[in-house]
Amino acid sequence: MLAGKTRDQPVVGTDIFATLCEITGAPLPKDRVIDAVSFVPAFTGKAIERKGPMYWRCAIAPEEFKIAMRQGDYTLLANPALTKFEMYNLKTDVQQKTDLAGKEPGRFDEMKKALQKLNAEIEAEGPPWWKGKEAAPKKKKDAKKLDQLSWREDGATIGHVHTTSLRSNYTTDVANRSTRALR
């Protein structure tokens, strides 16, 4: 263990699920997409190996941007319709002041396409009300049924989280705390 040390590697809430599975020896479910990774390697000073980008979605965020994706040091923010985007380098601009979408068009186009594809996959597996196509279930019985069918907590399909405020720059990382405000 790394007592008294920090690791500067980003993690997302769903990584807790994969981490607990690894610690307890429980297998990850095979019947659904799990984009979470265990951060157990960070406890021993090793890098966290992520196969895909990190994804956030927060339908109730007060900001215009309610969807985000992070690849390496870069993050791409998007509005729910995926018609407006901003791109930032979190290593050089942690407060997300300088939109790089126009300055790095190649990276921007690549990340935009990746986010659109990932978002479509996630929407395809979520319940209709989560996508804003119909109201949330009003009866507890209906909500419980949806929980069982989609194995979700608070509307988030396991492996996909949408409980992080995007523009307010709350990030989850192993480095200092589980969640810290950057602004």
C-alpha atoms as a PDB file:
ATOM      1  CA  MET A   1       0.000   0.000   0.000  1.00  0.00           C
ATOM      2  CA  LEU A   2       0.998   3.609  -0.452  1.00  0.00           C
ATOM      3  CA  ALA A   3       0.369   5.000   3.015  1.00  0.00           C
ATOM      4  CA  GLY A   4       0.814   8.762   3.052  1.00  0.00           C
ATOM      5  CA  LYS A   5       1.197   8.989  -0.737  1.00  0.00           C
ATOM      6  CA  THR A   6      -1.118  10.193  -3.448  1.00  0.00           C
ATOM      7  CA  ARG A   7      -1.815   8.991  -6.988  1.00  0.00           C
ATOM      8  CA  ASP A   8      -2.761  11.437  -9.688  1.00  0.00           C
ATOM      9  CA  GLN A   9      -4.965   9.159 -11.778  1.00  0.00           C
ATOM     10  CA  PRO A  10      -8.583   9.996 -12.604  1.00  0.00           C
ATOM     11  CA  VAL A  11     -11.341   7.601 -11.616  1.00  0.00           C
ATOM     12  CA  VAL A  12     -15.100   7.762 -11.965  1.00  0.00           C
ATOM     13  CA  GLY A  13     -17.815   6.629  -9.557  1.00  0.00           C
ATOM     14  CA  THR A  14     -18.493   3.413 -11.449  1.00  0.00           C
ATOM     15  CA  ASP A  15     -14.872   2.399 -10.935  1.00  0.00           C
ATOM     16  CA  ILE A  16     -15.831   1.756  -7.304  1.00  0.00           C
ATOM     17  CA  PHE A  17     -18.002  -1.142  -8.532  1.00  0.00           C
ATOM     18  CA  ALA A  18     -15.155  -2.749 -10.475  1.00  0.00           C
ATOM     19  CA  THR A  19     -12.762  -2.132  -7.590  1.00  0.00           C
ATOM     20  CA  LEU A  20     -15.054  -3.779  -5.052  1.00  0.00           C
ATOM     21  CA  CYS A  21     -15.533  -6.743  -7.397  1.00  0.00           C
ATOM     22  CA  GLU A  22     -11.771  -7.189  -7.623  1.00  0.00           C
ATOM     23  CA  ILE A  23     -11.220  -6.834  -3.881  1.00  0.00           C
ATOM     24  CA  THR A  24     -13.965  -9.339  -3.029  1.00  0.00           C
ATOM     25  CA  GLY A  25     -13.175 -11.728  -5.878  1.00  0.00           C
ATOM     26  CA  ALA A  26     -16.630 -11.304  -7.415  1.00  0.00           C
ATOM     27  CA  PRO A  27     -16.735 -11.496 -11.211  1.00  0.00           C
ATOM     28  CA  LEU A  28     -17.948  -8.512 -13.188  1.00  0.00           C
ATOM     29  CA  PRO A  29     -21.345  -9.141 -14.830  1.00  0.00           C
ATOM     30  CA  LYS A  30     -21.056 -10.492 -18.374  1.00  0.00           C
ATOM     31  CA  ASP A  31     -24.604  -9.618 -19.495  1.00  0.00           C
ATOM     32  CA  ARG A  32     -24.045  -5.849 -19.795  1.00  0.00           C
ATOM     33  CA  VAL A  33     -21.419  -3.318 -20.779  1.00  0.00           C
ATOM     34  CA  ILE A  34     -19.158  -2.468 -17.860  1.00  0.00           C
ATOM     35  CA  ASP A  35     -16.901   0.446 -18.725  1.00  0.00           C
ATOM     36  CA  ALA A  36     -15.591   0.745 -15.179  1.00  0.00           C
ATOM     37  CA  VAL A  37     -12.080  -0.337 -14.204  1.00  0.00           C
ATOM     38  CA  SER A  38     -10.631  -1.308 -10.866  1.00  0.00           C
ATOM     39  CA  PHE A  39      -8.353   1.225  -9.246  1.00  0.00           C
ATOM     40  CA  VAL A  40      -6.694  -1.421  -7.063  1.00  0.00           C
ATOM     41  CA  PRO A  41      -3.442  -0.984  -9.072  1.00  0.00           C
ATOM     42  CA  ALA A  42      -3.229   2.610  -7.797  1.00  0.00           C
ATOM     43  CA  PHE A  43      -3.002   1.268  -4.230  1.00  0.00           C
ATOM     44  CA  THR A  44       0.290  -0.390  -5.129  1.00  0.00           C
ATOM     45  CA  GLY A  45       1.728   2.464  -7.181  1.00  0.00           C
ATOM     46  CA  LYS A  46       0.775   1.079 -10.581  1.00  0.00           C
ATOM     47  CA  ALA A  47      -1.106   2.805 -13.392  1.00  0.00           C
ATOM     48  CA  ILE A  48      -4.840   2.278 -13.849  1.00  0.00           C
ATOM     49  CA  GLU A  49      -5.393   0.715 -17.278  1.00  0.00           C
ATOM     50  CA  ARG A  50      -8.550   2.071 -18.905  1.00  0.00           C
ATOM     51  CA  LYS A  51      -9.696   0.578 -22.224  1.00  0.00           C
ATOM     52  CA  GLY A  52     -12.066   3.375 -23.140  1.00  0.00           C
ATOM     53  CA  PRO A  53     -12.846   6.981 -22.266  1.00  0.00           C
ATOM     54  CA  MET A  54     -14.486   8.095 -19.045  1.00  0.00           C
ATOM     55  CA  TYR A  55     -18.104   9.245 -19.484  1.00  0.00           C
ATOM     56  CA  TRP A  56     -20.405  11.434 -17.398  1.00  0.00           C
ATOM     57  CA  ARG A  57     -24.010  12.404 -17.861  1.00  0.00           C
ATOM     58  CA  CYS A  58     -25.971  14.602 -15.464  1.00  0.00           C
ATOM     59  CA  ALA A  59     -29.448  15.477 -16.701  1.00  0.00           C
ATOM     60  CA  ILE A  60     -30.101  17.770 -13.731  1.00  0.00           C
ATOM     61  CA  ALA A  61     -26.889  19.775 -13.968  1.00  0.00           C
ATOM     62  CA  PRO A  62     -27.739  23.485 -13.915  1.00  0.00           C
ATOM     63  CA  GLU A  63     -25.184  24.170 -16.622  1.00  0.00           C
ATOM     64  CA  GLU A  64     -25.737  23.920 -20.372  1.00  0.00           C
ATOM     65  CA  PHE A  65     -23.318  21.026 -20.697  1.00  0.00           C
ATOM     66  CA  LYS A  66     -24.728  17.836 -19.208  1.00  0.00           C
ATOM     67  CA  ILE A  67     -22.562  15.224 -20.927  1.00  0.00           C
ATOM     68  CA  ALA A  68     -18.782  14.829 -20.796  1.00  0.00           C
ATOM     69  CA  MET A  69     -16.114  12.424 -21.919  1.00  0.00           C
ATOM     70  CA  ARG A  70     -12.483  12.296 -20.837  1.00  0.00           C
ATOM     71  CA  GLN A  71      -9.653  10.745 -22.859  1.00  0.00           C
ATOM     72  CA  GLY A  72      -6.237  11.134 -21.295  1.00  0.00           C
ATOM     73  CA  ASP A  73      -5.730  14.768 -20.364  1.00  0.00           C
ATOM     74  CA  TYR A  74      -8.572  16.028 -22.581  1.00  0.00           C
ATOM     75  CA  THR A  75     -12.250  16.412 -21.751  1.00  0.00           C
ATOM     76  CA  LEU A  76     -15.101  17.128 -24.152  1.00  0.00           C
ATOM     77  CA  LEU A  77     -18.283  18.719 -22.804  1.00  0.00           C
ATOM     78  CA  ALA A  78     -21.579  18.566 -24.692  1.00  0.00           C
ATOM     79  CA  ASN A  79     -25.152  19.742 -24.387  1.00  0.00           C
ATOM     80  CA  PRO A  80     -27.847  17.005 -24.245  1.00  0.00           C
ATOM     81  CA  ALA A  81     -28.654  17.341 -27.961  1.00  0.00           C
ATOM     82  CA  LEU A  82     -24.951  16.923 -28.804  1.00  0.00           C
ATOM     83  CA  THR A  83     -25.043  20.093 -30.887  1.00  0.00           C
ATOM     84  CA  LYS A  84     -22.721  22.273 -28.801  1.00  0.00           C
ATOM     85  CA  PHE A  85     -19.298  21.192 -27.556  1.00  0.00           C
ATOM     86  CA  GLU A  86     -16.257  22.520 -25.728  1.00  0.00           C
ATOM     87  CA  MET A  87     -12.890  20.760 -25.392  1.00  0.00           C
ATOM     88  CA  TYR A  88     -10.261  21.336 -22.708  1.00  0.00           C
ATOM     89  CA  ASN A  89      -6.839  20.009 -21.739  1.00  0.00           C
ATOM     90  CA  LEU A  90      -7.158  19.321 -18.020  1.00  0.00           C
ATOM     91  CA  LYS A  91      -3.401  19.038 -17.544  1.00  0.00           C
ATOM     92  CA  THR A  92      -2.764  22.614 -18.696  1.00  0.00           C
ATOM     93  CA  ASP A  93      -6.198  24.161 -18.000  1.00  0.00           C
ATOM     94  CA  VAL A  94      -7.747  22.522 -14.949  1.00  0.00           C
ATOM     95  CA  GLN A  95     -10.348  25.291 -14.601  1.00  0.00           C
ATOM     96  CA  GLN A  96     -11.486  24.800 -18.195  1.00  0.00           C
ATOM     97  CA  LYS A  97     -11.087  28.423 -19.278  1.00  0.00           C
ATOM     98  CA  THR A  98      -9.705  27.903 -22.818  1.00  0.00           C
ATOM     99  CA  ASP A  99     -11.898  25.982 -25.260  1.00  0.00           C
ATOM    100  CA  LEU A 100      -9.548  24.127 -27.626  1.00  0.00           C
ATOM    101  CA  ALA A 101     -12.189  22.888 -30.091  1.00  0.00           C
ATOM    102  CA  GLY A 102     -11.162  25.434 -32.740  1.00  0.00           C
ATOM    103  CA  LYS A 103      -7.440  25.235 -31.965  1.00  0.00           C
ATOM    104  CA  GLU A 104      -7.169  21.435 -32.220  1.00  0.00           C
ATOM    105  CA  PRO A 105      -9.791  20.488 -34.845  1.00  0.00           C
ATOM    106  CA  GLY A 106      -8.401  16.988 -35.487  1.00  0.00           C
ATOM    107  CA  ARG A 107      -8.536  15.956 -31.833  1.00  0.00           C
ATOM    108  CA  PHE A 108     -11.892  17.727 -31.433  1.00  0.00           C
ATOM    109  CA  ASP A 109     -13.491  15.859 -34.362  1.00  0.00           C
ATOM    110  CA  GLU A 110     -12.113  12.527 -33.130  1.00  0.00           C
ATOM    111  CA  MET A 111     -13.403  13.084 -29.592  1.00  0.00           C
ATOM    112  CA  LYS A 112     -16.766  14.381 -30.814  1.00  0.00           C
ATOM    113  CA  LYS A 113     -17.332  11.250 -32.916  1.00  0.00           C
ATOM    114  CA  ALA A 114     -16.266   9.022 -30.020  1.00  0.00           C
ATOM    115  CA  LEU A 115     -18.635  10.815 -27.626  1.00  0.00           C
ATOM    116  CA  GLN A 116     -21.559  10.607 -30.059  1.00  0.00           C
ATOM    117  CA  LYS A 117     -20.976   6.858 -30.505  1.00  0.00           C
ATOM    118  CA  LEU A 118     -20.569   6.190 -26.778  1.00  0.00           C
ATOM    119  CA  ASN A 119     -23.604   8.296 -25.888  1.00  0.00           C
ATOM    120  CA  ALA A 120     -25.756   6.427 -28.449  1.00  0.00           C
ATOM    121  CA  GLU A 121     -24.668   3.085 -26.961  1.00  0.00           C
ATOM    122  CA  ILE A 122     -25.470   4.258 -23.445  1.00  0.00           C
ATOM    123  CA  GLU A 123     -28.854   5.697 -24.425  1.00  0.00           C
ATOM    124  CA  ALA A 124     -29.752   2.437 -26.168  1.00  0.00           C
ATOM    125  CA  GLU A 125     -29.401   0.494 -22.918  1.00  0.00           C
ATOM    126  CA  GLY A 126     -31.083   3.023 -20.609  1.00  0.00           C
ATOM    127  CA  PRO A 127     -34.803   3.232 -19.745  1.00  0.00           C
ATOM    128  CA  PRO A 128     -36.901   5.610 -21.913  1.00  0.00           C
ATOM    129  CA  TRP A 129     -37.515   8.131 -19.124  1.00  0.00           C
ATOM    130  CA  TRP A 130     -33.764   8.451 -18.548  1.00  0.00           C
ATOM    131  CA  LYS A 131     -33.363   9.613 -22.141  1.00  0.00           C
ATOM    132  CA  GLY A 132     -35.984  12.326 -21.608  1.00  0.00           C
ATOM    133  CA  LYS A 133     -38.473  10.598 -23.924  1.00  0.00           C
ATOM    134  CA  GLU A 134     -41.061  10.079 -21.211  1.00  0.00           C
ATOM    135  CA  ALA A 135     -41.552  11.007 -17.596  1.00  0.00           C
ATOM    136  CA  ALA A 136     -39.870   9.119 -14.788  1.00  0.00           C
ATOM    137  CA  PRO A 137     -41.998   6.350 -13.260  1.00  0.00           C
ATOM    138  CA  LYS A 138     -44.311   7.785 -10.633  1.00  0.00           C
ATOM    139  CA  LYS A 139     -45.226   4.573  -8.826  1.00  0.00           C
ATOM    140  CA  LYS A 140     -42.687   2.930  -6.545  1.00  0.00           C
ATOM    141  CA  LYS A 141     -43.642  -0.431  -8.034  1.00  0.00           C
ATOM    142  CA  ASP A 142     -42.755   0.777 -11.554  1.00  0.00           C
ATOM    143  CA  ALA A 143     -39.491   2.324 -10.372  1.00  0.00           C
ATOM    144  CA  LYS A 144     -38.513  -0.901  -8.587  1.00  0.00           C
ATOM    145  CA  LYS A 145     -39.251  -2.885 -11.749  1.00  0.00           C
ATOM    146  CA  LEU A 146     -36.999  -0.567 -13.776  1.00  0.00           C
ATOM    147  CA  ASP A 147     -34.258  -0.937 -11.170  1.00  0.00           C
ATOM    148  CA  GLN A 148     -34.408  -4.701 -11.541  1.00  0.00           C
ATOM    149  CA  LEU A 149     -34.541  -4.631 -15.335  1.00  0.00           C
ATOM    150  CA  SER A 150     -31.739  -2.182 -15.951  1.00  0.00           C
ATOM    151  CA  TRP A 151     -29.706  -2.783 -12.784  1.00  0.00           C
ATOM    152  CA  ARG A 152     -29.296   0.872 -12.071  1.00  0.00           C
ATOM    153  CA  GLU A 153     -29.059   3.161  -9.120  1.00  0.00           C
ATOM    154  CA  ASP A 154     -30.485   6.671  -9.383  1.00  0.00           C
ATOM    155  CA  GLY A 155     -30.892   6.276 -13.149  1.00  0.00           C
ATOM    156  CA  ALA A 156     -27.308   5.250 -13.845  1.00  0.00           C
ATOM    157  CA  THR A 157     -26.741   1.991 -15.638  1.00  0.00           C
ATOM    158  CA  ILE A 158     -23.900   0.133 -13.960  1.00  0.00           C
ATOM    159  CA  GLY A 159     -20.788   1.118 -15.866  1.00  0.00           C
ATOM    160  CA  HIS A 160     -22.145   4.541 -16.792  1.00  0.00           C
ATOM    161  CA  VAL A 161     -22.481   7.377 -14.335  1.00  0.00           C
ATOM    162  CA  HIS A 162     -24.451  10.572 -14.644  1.00  0.00           C
ATOM    163  CA  THR A 163     -24.233  11.996 -11.179  1.00  0.00           C
ATOM    164  CA  THR A 164     -21.261  14.321 -11.619  1.00  0.00           C
ATOM    165  CA  SER A 165     -21.653  18.053 -12.153  1.00  0.00           C
ATOM    166  CA  LEU A 166     -19.773  18.707 -15.368  1.00  0.00           C
ATOM    167  CA  ARG A 167     -19.189  22.411 -15.743  1.00  0.00           C
ATOM    168  CA  SER A 168     -18.708  22.883 -12.003  1.00  0.00           C
ATOM    169  CA  ASN A 169     -15.571  20.793 -12.404  1.00  0.00           C
ATOM    170  CA  TYR A 170     -16.140  18.135  -9.801  1.00  0.00           C
ATOM    171  CA  THR A 171     -13.813  15.302 -10.580  1.00  0.00           C
ATOM    172  CA  THR A 172     -13.225  12.024  -8.872  1.00  0.00           C
ATOM    173  CA  ASP A 173      -9.645  10.976  -8.474  1.00  0.00           C
ATOM    174  CA  VAL A 174      -7.467   8.812  -6.314  1.00  0.00           C
ATOM    175  CA  ALA A 175      -4.893  11.557  -5.936  1.00  0.00           C
ATOM    176  CA  ASN A 176      -6.223  13.538  -2.994  1.00  0.00           C
ATOM    177  CA  ARG A 177      -9.868  12.871  -2.196  1.00  0.00           C
ATOM    178  CA  SER A 178     -12.680  10.895  -3.755  1.00  0.00           C
ATOM    179  CA  THR A 179     -14.221  14.148  -4.992  1.00  0.00           C
ATOM    180  CA  ARG A 180     -12.796  17.650  -5.031  1.00  0.00           C
ATOM    181  CA  ALA A 181     -14.002  20.950  -6.413  1.00  0.00           C
ATOM    182  CA  LEU A 182     -11.535  22.411  -8.844  1.00  0.00           C
ATOM    183  CA  ARG A 183     -13.194  25.813  -8.994  1.00  0.00           C
END
